[in-house]
Structure formats: C-alpha cells, structure tokens
Amino acid sequence: LSAALVALYEEPEKPNSALDFLKHHLGASTPENPELEALRLEVAEMKEKYEAVLEENKKLKTKVKIY
C-alpha cells in the first residue's frame, strides 16, 4: 500500500481520482470500458453454448453407435 501511495505522490500528472489510481496500481481496478463487460458476458454465453453442443454431440454419437 505504501508503495502505491508513493507512486501516486511521484506521479507527474495527478489523476482525477486517487482511489482509481490506487485500485489500478494494486491490481483491483474495475473495467474501464463498458464494452469489456459486454464481451465478458458474451464469452460466458458462448462457453455455455459450446458445452451444450458438446453434450448434444456426445448423445448423437451414442445414438449412431446403437444403430
């Protein structure tokens, strides 16, 4: 924490929000871009669809083996 505070003190151009600077410096920043959150949601949805397709594929392969 003290290293982050020193970095803030030594910053030549002071940020608008010291709290955001500290969060970013400590690695706990929130997504700055709303598109980033939308992309994360899209990736999660695609992973779910992928898993569903894999399961369906498995079921169809077993049906083909039966016949």
PDB file of N, CA and C in Angstrom:
ATOM      1  N   LEU A   1       0.831  -1.196   0.000  1.00  0.00           N
ATOM      2  CA  LEU A   1       0.000   0.000   0.000  1.00  0.00           C
ATOM      3  C   LEU A   1       0.867   1.247   0.000  1.00  0.00           C
ATOM      4  N   SER A   2       1.907   1.223   0.806  1.00  0.00           N
ATOM      5  CA  SER A   2       2.770   2.410   0.863  1.00  0.00           C
ATOM      6  C   SER A   2       3.460   2.638  -0.483  1.00  0.00           C
ATOM      7  N   ALA A   3       3.806   1.573  -1.182  1.00  0.00           N
ATOM      8  CA  ALA A   3       4.431   1.727  -2.500  1.00  0.00           C
ATOM      9  C   ALA A   3       3.452   2.387  -3.480  1.00  0.00           C
ATOM     10  N   ALA A   4       2.181   2.030  -3.391  1.00  0.00           N
ATOM     11  CA  ALA A   4       1.180   2.634  -4.259  1.00  0.00           C
ATOM     12  C   ALA A   4       1.000   4.112  -3.923  1.00  0.00           C
ATOM     13  N   LEU A   5       1.024   4.442  -2.650  1.00  0.00           N
ATOM     14  CA  LEU A   5       0.900   5.840  -2.248  1.00  0.00           C
ATOM     15  C   LEU A   5       2.110   6.653  -2.704  1.00  0.00           C
ATOM     16  N   VAL A   6       3.282   6.071  -2.618  1.00  0.00           N
ATOM     17  CA  VAL A   6       4.492   6.757  -3.095  1.00  0.00           C
ATOM     18  C   VAL A   6       4.400   6.962  -4.601  1.00  0.00           C
ATOM     19  N   ALA A   7       3.916   5.956  -5.335  1.00  0.00           N
ATOM     20  CA  ALA A   7       3.765   6.085  -6.785  1.00  0.00           C
ATOM     21  C   ALA A   7       2.784   7.203  -7.121  1.00  0.00           C
ATOM     22  N   LEU A   8       1.715   7.318  -6.350  1.00  0.00           N
ATOM     23  CA  LEU A   8       0.752   8.401  -6.560  1.00  0.00           C
ATOM     24  C   LEU A   8       1.405   9.749  -6.295  1.00  0.00           C
ATOM     25  N   TYR A   9       2.185   9.834  -5.237  1.00  0.00           N
ATOM     26  CA  TYR A   9       2.870  11.080  -4.890  1.00  0.00           C
ATOM     27  C   TYR A   9       3.864  11.478  -5.978  1.00  0.00           C
ATOM     28  N   GLU A  10       4.561  10.492  -6.543  1.00  0.00           N
ATOM     29  CA  GLU A  10       5.587  10.766  -7.546  1.00  0.00           C
ATOM     30  C   GLU A  10       5.028  10.930  -8.956  1.00  0.00           C
ATOM     31  N   GLU A  11       3.752  10.688  -9.139  1.00  0.00           N
ATOM     32  CA  GLU A  11       3.121  10.812 -10.454  1.00  0.00           C
ATOM     33  C   GLU A  11       3.186  12.270 -10.913  1.00  0.00           C
ATOM     34  N   PRO A  12       3.784  12.534 -12.093  1.00  0.00           N
ATOM     35  CA  PRO A  12       3.905  13.927 -12.556  1.00  0.00           C
ATOM     36  C   PRO A  12       2.553  14.571 -12.877  1.00  0.00           C
ATOM     37  N   GLU A  13       1.665  13.804 -13.499  1.00  0.00           N
ATOM     38  CA  GLU A  13       0.324  14.311 -13.790  1.00  0.00           C
ATOM     39  C   GLU A  13      -0.644  13.600 -12.857  1.00  0.00           C
ATOM     40  N   LYS A  14      -1.155  14.329 -11.903  1.00  0.00           N
ATOM     41  CA  LYS A  14      -2.036  13.728 -10.898  1.00  0.00           C
ATOM     42  C   LYS A  14      -3.331  13.246 -11.549  1.00  0.00           C
ATOM     43  N   PRO A  15      -3.776  12.048 -11.214  1.00  0.00           N
ATOM     44  CA  PRO A  15      -5.024  11.521 -11.782  1.00  0.00           C
ATOM     45  C   PRO A  15      -6.233  12.249 -11.186  1.00  0.00           C
ATOM     46  N   ASN A  16      -7.355  12.149 -11.892  1.00  0.00           N
ATOM     47  CA  ASN A  16      -8.591  12.772 -11.405  1.00  0.00           C
ATOM     48  C   ASN A  16      -9.083  12.103 -10.129  1.00  0.00           C
ATOM     49  N   SER A  17      -8.885  10.810 -10.036  1.00  0.00           N
ATOM     50  CA  SER A  17      -9.349  10.067  -8.866  1.00  0.00           C
ATOM     51  C   SER A  17      -8.178   9.287  -8.265  1.00  0.00           C
ATOM     52  N   ALA A  18      -7.787   9.673  -7.079  1.00  0.00           N
ATOM     53  CA  ALA A  18      -6.694   8.977  -6.404  1.00  0.00           C
ATOM     54  C   ALA A  18      -7.087   7.536  -6.085  1.00  0.00           C
ATOM     55  N   LEU A  19      -8.354   7.341  -5.755  1.00  0.00           N
ATOM     56  CA  LEU A  19      -8.820   5.993  -5.424  1.00  0.00           C
ATOM     57  C   LEU A  19      -8.716   5.058  -6.630  1.00  0.00           C
ATOM     58  N   ASP A  20      -9.115   5.550  -7.808  1.00  0.00           N
ATOM     59  CA  ASP A  20      -8.992   4.739  -9.019  1.00  0.00           C
ATOM     60  C   ASP A  20      -7.530   4.436  -9.330  1.00  0.00           C
ATOM     61  N   PHE A  21      -6.653   5.416  -9.117  1.00  0.00           N
ATOM     62  CA  PHE A  21      -5.228   5.205  -9.341  1.00  0.00           C
ATOM     63  C   PHE A  21      -4.710   4.093  -8.421  1.00  0.00           C
ATOM     64  N   LEU A  22      -5.102   4.139  -7.156  1.00  0.00           N
ATOM     65  CA  LEU A  22      -4.647   3.123  -6.202  1.00  0.00           C
ATOM     66  C   LEU A  22      -5.193   1.748  -6.554  1.00  0.00           C
ATOM     67  N   LYS A  23      -6.460   1.693  -6.955  1.00  0.00           N
ATOM     68  CA  LYS A  23      -7.044   0.409  -7.357  1.00  0.00           C
ATOM     69  C   LYS A  23      -6.292  -0.174  -8.543  1.00  0.00           C
ATOM     70  N   HIS A  24      -6.017   0.680  -9.526  1.00  0.00           N
ATOM     71  CA  HIS A  24      -5.303   0.221 -10.712  1.00  0.00           C
ATOM     72  C   HIS A  24      -3.885  -0.217 -10.356  1.00  0.00           C
ATOM     73  N   HIS A  25      -3.231   0.547  -9.521  1.00  0.00           N
ATOM     74  CA  HIS A  25      -1.852   0.238  -9.143  1.00  0.00           C
ATOM     75  C   HIS A  25      -1.775  -1.055  -8.330  1.00  0.00           C
ATOM     76  N   LEU A  26      -2.796  -1.328  -7.545  1.00  0.00           N
ATOM     77  CA  LEU A  26      -2.826  -2.548  -6.728  1.00  0.00           C
ATOM     78  C   LEU A  26      -3.428  -3.732  -7.485  1.00  0.00           C
ATOM     79  N   GLY A  27      -3.918  -3.485  -8.691  1.00  0.00           N
ATOM     80  CA  GLY A  27      -4.446  -4.588  -9.499  1.00  0.00           C
ATOM     81  C   GLY A  27      -5.884  -4.925  -9.221  1.00  0.00           C
ATOM     82  N   ALA A  28      -6.620  -4.057  -8.587  1.00  0.00           N
ATOM     83  CA  ALA A  28      -8.021  -4.335  -8.273  1.00  0.00           C
ATOM     84  C   ALA A  28      -8.942  -3.369  -8.993  1.00  0.00           C
ATOM     85  N   SER A  29      -8.545  -2.939 -10.176  1.00  0.00           N
ATOM     86  CA  SER A  29      -9.356  -1.950 -10.883  1.00  0.00           C
ATOM     87  C   SER A  29     -10.569  -2.609 -11.512  1.00  0.00           C
ATOM     88  N   THR A  30     -11.598  -1.825 -11.696  1.00  0.00           N
ATOM     89  CA  THR A  30     -12.806  -2.287 -12.356  1.00  0.00           C
ATOM     90  C   THR A  30     -12.654  -2.040 -13.847  1.00  0.00           C
ATOM     91  N   PRO A  31     -13.419  -2.735 -14.660  1.00  0.00           N
ATOM     92  CA  PRO A  31     -13.320  -2.497 -16.094  1.00  0.00           C
ATOM     93  C   PRO A  31     -13.631  -1.048 -16.425  1.00  0.00           C
ATOM     94  N   GLU A  32     -12.761  -0.429 -17.193  1.00  0.00           N
ATOM     95  CA  GLU A  32     -12.947   0.972 -17.536  1.00  0.00           C
ATOM     96  C   GLU A  32     -13.892   1.131 -18.708  1.00  0.00           C
ATOM     97  N   ASN A  33     -13.980   0.128 -19.520  1.00  0.00           N
ATOM     98  CA  ASN A  33     -14.758   0.205 -20.740  1.00  0.00           C
ATOM     99  C   ASN A  33     -15.997  -0.673 -20.601  1.00  0.00           C
ATOM    100  N   PRO A  34     -17.194  -0.111 -20.819  1.00  0.00           N
ATOM    101  CA  PRO A  34     -18.408  -0.938 -20.721  1.00  0.00           C
ATOM    102  C   PRO A  34     -18.437  -2.048 -21.768  1.00  0.00           C
ATOM    103  N   GLU A  35     -17.738  -1.845 -22.878  1.00  0.00           N
ATOM    104  CA  GLU A  35     -17.682  -2.891 -23.904  1.00  0.00           C
ATOM    105  C   GLU A  35     -16.956  -4.123 -23.379  1.00  0.00           C
ATOM    106  N   LEU A  36     -16.003  -3.923 -22.497  1.00  0.00           N
ATOM    107  CA  LEU A  36     -15.263  -5.036 -21.920  1.00  0.00           C
ATOM    108  C   LEU A  36     -16.188  -5.956 -21.135  1.00  0.00           C
ATOM    109  N   GLU A  37     -17.073  -5.379 -20.352  1.00  0.00           N
ATOM    110  CA  GLU A  37     -18.021  -6.183 -19.577  1.00  0.00           C
ATOM    111  C   GLU A  37     -18.977  -6.926 -20.512  1.00  0.00           C
ATOM    112  N   ALA A  38     -19.402  -6.273 -21.588  1.00  0.00           N
ATOM    113  CA  ALA A  38     -20.286  -6.922 -22.557  1.00  0.00           C
ATOM    114  C   ALA A  38     -19.583  -8.094 -23.225  1.00  0.00           C
ATOM    115  N   LEU A  39     -18.301  -7.922 -23.529  1.00  0.00           N
ATOM    116  CA  LEU A  39     -17.545  -9.016 -24.150  1.00  0.00           C
ATOM    117  C   LEU A  39     -17.365 -10.180 -23.181  1.00  0.00           C
ATOM    118  N   ARG A  40     -17.152  -9.886 -21.918  1.00  0.00           N
ATOM    119  CA  ARG A  40     -17.030 -10.970 -20.926  1.00  0.00           C
ATOM    120  C   ARG A  40     -18.323 -11.754 -20.823  1.00  0.00           C
ATOM    121  N   LEU A  41     -19.435 -11.043 -20.853  1.00  0.00           N
ATOM    122  CA  LEU A  41     -20.738 -11.709 -20.804  1.00  0.00           C
ATOM    123  C   LEU A  41     -20.940 -12.569 -22.044  1.00  0.00           C
ATOM    124  N   GLU A  42     -20.558 -12.044 -23.197  1.00  0.00           N
ATOM    125  CA  GLU A  42     -20.684 -12.800 -24.442  1.00  0.00           C
ATOM    126  C   GLU A  42     -19.818 -14.061 -24.413  1.00  0.00           C
ATOM    127  N   VAL A  43     -18.621 -13.964 -23.883  1.00  0.00           N
ATOM    128  CA  VAL A  43     -17.737 -15.130 -23.784  1.00  0.00           C
ATOM    129  C   VAL A  43     -18.368 -16.185 -22.873  1.00  0.00           C
ATOM    130  N   ALA A  44     -18.944 -15.757 -21.764  1.00  0.00           N
ATOM    131  CA  ALA A  44     -19.584 -16.705 -20.848  1.00  0.00           C
ATOM    132  C   ALA A  44     -20.756 -17.415 -21.538  1.00  0.00           C
ATOM    133  N   GLU A  45     -21.551 -16.653 -22.298  1.00  0.00           N
ATOM    134  CA  GLU A  45     -22.674 -17.260 -23.015  1.00  0.00           C
ATOM    135  C   GLU A  45     -22.184 -18.245 -24.071  1.00  0.00           C
ATOM    136  N   MET A  46     -21.120 -17.891 -24.773  1.00  0.00           N
ATOM    137  CA  MET A  46     -20.570 -18.775 -25.801  1.00  0.00           C
ATOM    138  C   MET A  46     -20.023 -20.062 -25.188  1.00  0.00           C
ATOM    139  N   LYS A  47     -19.423 -19.961 -24.014  1.00  0.00           N
ATOM    140  CA  LYS A  47     -18.919 -21.162 -23.339  1.00  0.00           C
ATOM    141  C   LYS A  47     -20.073 -22.090 -22.982  1.00  0.00           C
ATOM    142  N   GLU A  48     -21.193 -21.519 -22.510  1.00  0.00           N
ATOM    143  CA  GLU A  48     -22.362 -22.341 -22.183  1.00  0.00           C
ATOM    144  C   GLU A  48     -22.902 -23.038 -23.427  1.00  0.00           C
ATOM    145  N   LYS A  49     -22.994 -22.293 -24.533  1.00  0.00           N
ATOM    146  CA  LYS A  49     -23.485 -22.881 -25.784  1.00  0.00           C
ATOM    147  C   LYS A  49     -22.542 -23.982 -26.260  1.00  0.00           C
ATOM    148  N   TYR A  50     -21.252 -23.751 -26.128  1.00  0.00           N
ATOM    149  CA  TYR A  50     -20.253 -24.735 -26.534  1.00  0.00           C
ATOM    150  C   TYR A  50     -20.431 -26.028 -25.736  1.00  0.00           C
ATOM    151  N   GLU A  51     -20.609 -25.895 -24.430  1.00  0.00           N
ATOM    152  CA  GLU A  51     -20.806 -27.080 -23.595  1.00  0.00           C
ATOM    153  C   GLU A  51     -22.081 -27.816 -23.991  1.00  0.00           C
ATOM    154  N   ALA A  52     -23.141 -27.080 -24.310  1.00  0.00           N
ATOM    155  CA  ALA A  52     -24.400 -27.708 -24.727  1.00  0.00           C
ATOM    156  C   ALA A  52     -24.219 -28.460 -26.039  1.00  0.00           C
ATOM    157  N   VAL A  53     -23.483 -27.881 -26.970  1.00  0.00           N
ATOM    158  CA  VAL A  53     -23.236 -28.531 -28.254  1.00  0.00           C
ATOM    159  C   VAL A  53     -22.387 -29.788 -28.065  1.00  0.00           C
ATOM    160  N   LEU A  54     -21.398 -29.711 -27.192  1.00  0.00           N
ATOM    161  CA  LEU A  54     -20.581 -30.897 -26.914  1.00  0.00           C
ATOM    162  C   LEU A  54     -21.437 -32.026 -26.340  1.00  0.00           C
ATOM    163  N   GLU A  55     -22.334 -31.681 -25.438  1.00  0.00           N
ATOM    164  CA  GLU A  55     -23.211 -32.693 -24.836  1.00  0.00           C
ATOM    165  C   GLU A  55     -24.134 -33.294 -25.888  1.00  0.00           C
ATOM    166  N   GLU A  56     -24.695 -32.454 -26.746  1.00  0.00           N
ATOM    167  CA  GLU A  56     -25.558 -32.949 -27.817  1.00  0.00           C
ATOM    168  C   GLU A  56     -24.781 -33.851 -28.769  1.00  0.00           C
ATOM    169  N   ASN A  57     -23.562 -33.483 -29.079  1.00  0.00           N
ATOM    170  CA  ASN A  57     -22.704 -34.274 -29.951  1.00  0.00           C
ATOM    171  C   ASN A  57     -22.457 -35.652 -29.334  1.00  0.00           C
ATOM    172  N   LYS A  58     -22.209 -35.660 -28.045  1.00  0.00           N
ATOM    173  CA  LYS A  58     -21.969 -36.931 -27.349  1.00  0.00           C
ATOM    174  C   LYS A  58     -23.188 -37.842 -27.439  1.00  0.00           C
ATOM    175  N   LYS A  59     -24.375 -37.252 -27.233  1.00  0.00           N
ATOM    176  CA  LYS A  59     -25.608 -38.033 -27.297  1.00  0.00           C
ATOM    177  C   LYS A  59     -25.841 -38.574 -28.703  1.00  0.00           C
ATOM    178  N   LEU A  60     -25.593 -37.751 -29.706  1.00  0.00           N
ATOM    179  CA  LEU A  60     -25.796 -38.196 -31.089  1.00  0.00           C
ATOM    180  C   LEU A  60     -24.812 -39.293 -31.472  1.00  0.00           C
ATOM    181  N   LYS A  61     -23.596 -39.210 -30.986  1.00  0.00           N
ATOM    182  CA  LYS A  61     -22.612 -40.259 -31.272  1.00  0.00           C
ATOM    183  C   LYS A  61     -23.035 -41.579 -30.659  1.00  0.00           C
ATOM    184  N   THR A  62     -23.594 -41.543 -29.457  1.00  0.00           N
ATOM    185  CA  THR A  62     -24.057 -42.798 -28.855  1.00  0.00           C
ATOM    186  C   THR A  62     -25.240 -43.361 -29.608  1.00  0.00           C
ATOM    187  N   LYS A  63     -26.115 -42.501 -30.135  1.00  0.00           N
ATOM    188  CA  LYS A  63     -27.259 -42.989 -30.938  1.00  0.00           C
ATOM    189  C   LYS A  63     -26.769 -43.657 -32.211  1.00  0.00           C
ATOM    190  N   VAL A  64     -25.760 -43.084 -32.839  1.00  0.00           N
ATOM    191  CA  VAL A  64     -25.219 -43.642 -34.079  1.00  0.00           C
ATOM    192  C   VAL A  64     -24.583 -44.996 -33.799  1.00  0.00           C
ATOM    193  N   LYS A  65     -23.919 -45.151 -32.672  1.00  0.00           N
ATOM    194  CA  LYS A  65     -23.293 -46.435 -32.321  1.00  0.00           C
ATOM    195  C   LYS A  65     -24.319 -47.512 -32.047  1.00  0.00           C
ATOM    196  N   ILE A  66     -25.492 -47.111 -31.529  1.00  0.00           N
ATOM    197  CA  ILE A  66     -26.539 -48.081 -31.205  1.00  0.00           C
ATOM    198  C   ILE A  66     -27.110 -48.672 -32.490  1.00  0.00           C
ATOM    199  N   TYR A  67     -27.317 -47.860 -33.495  1.00  0.00           N
ATOM    200  CA  TYR A  67     -27.947 -48.329 -34.732  1.00  0.00           C
ATOM    201  C   TYR A  67     -26.932 -48.947 -35.584  1.00  0.00           C
TER     202      TYR A  67
END
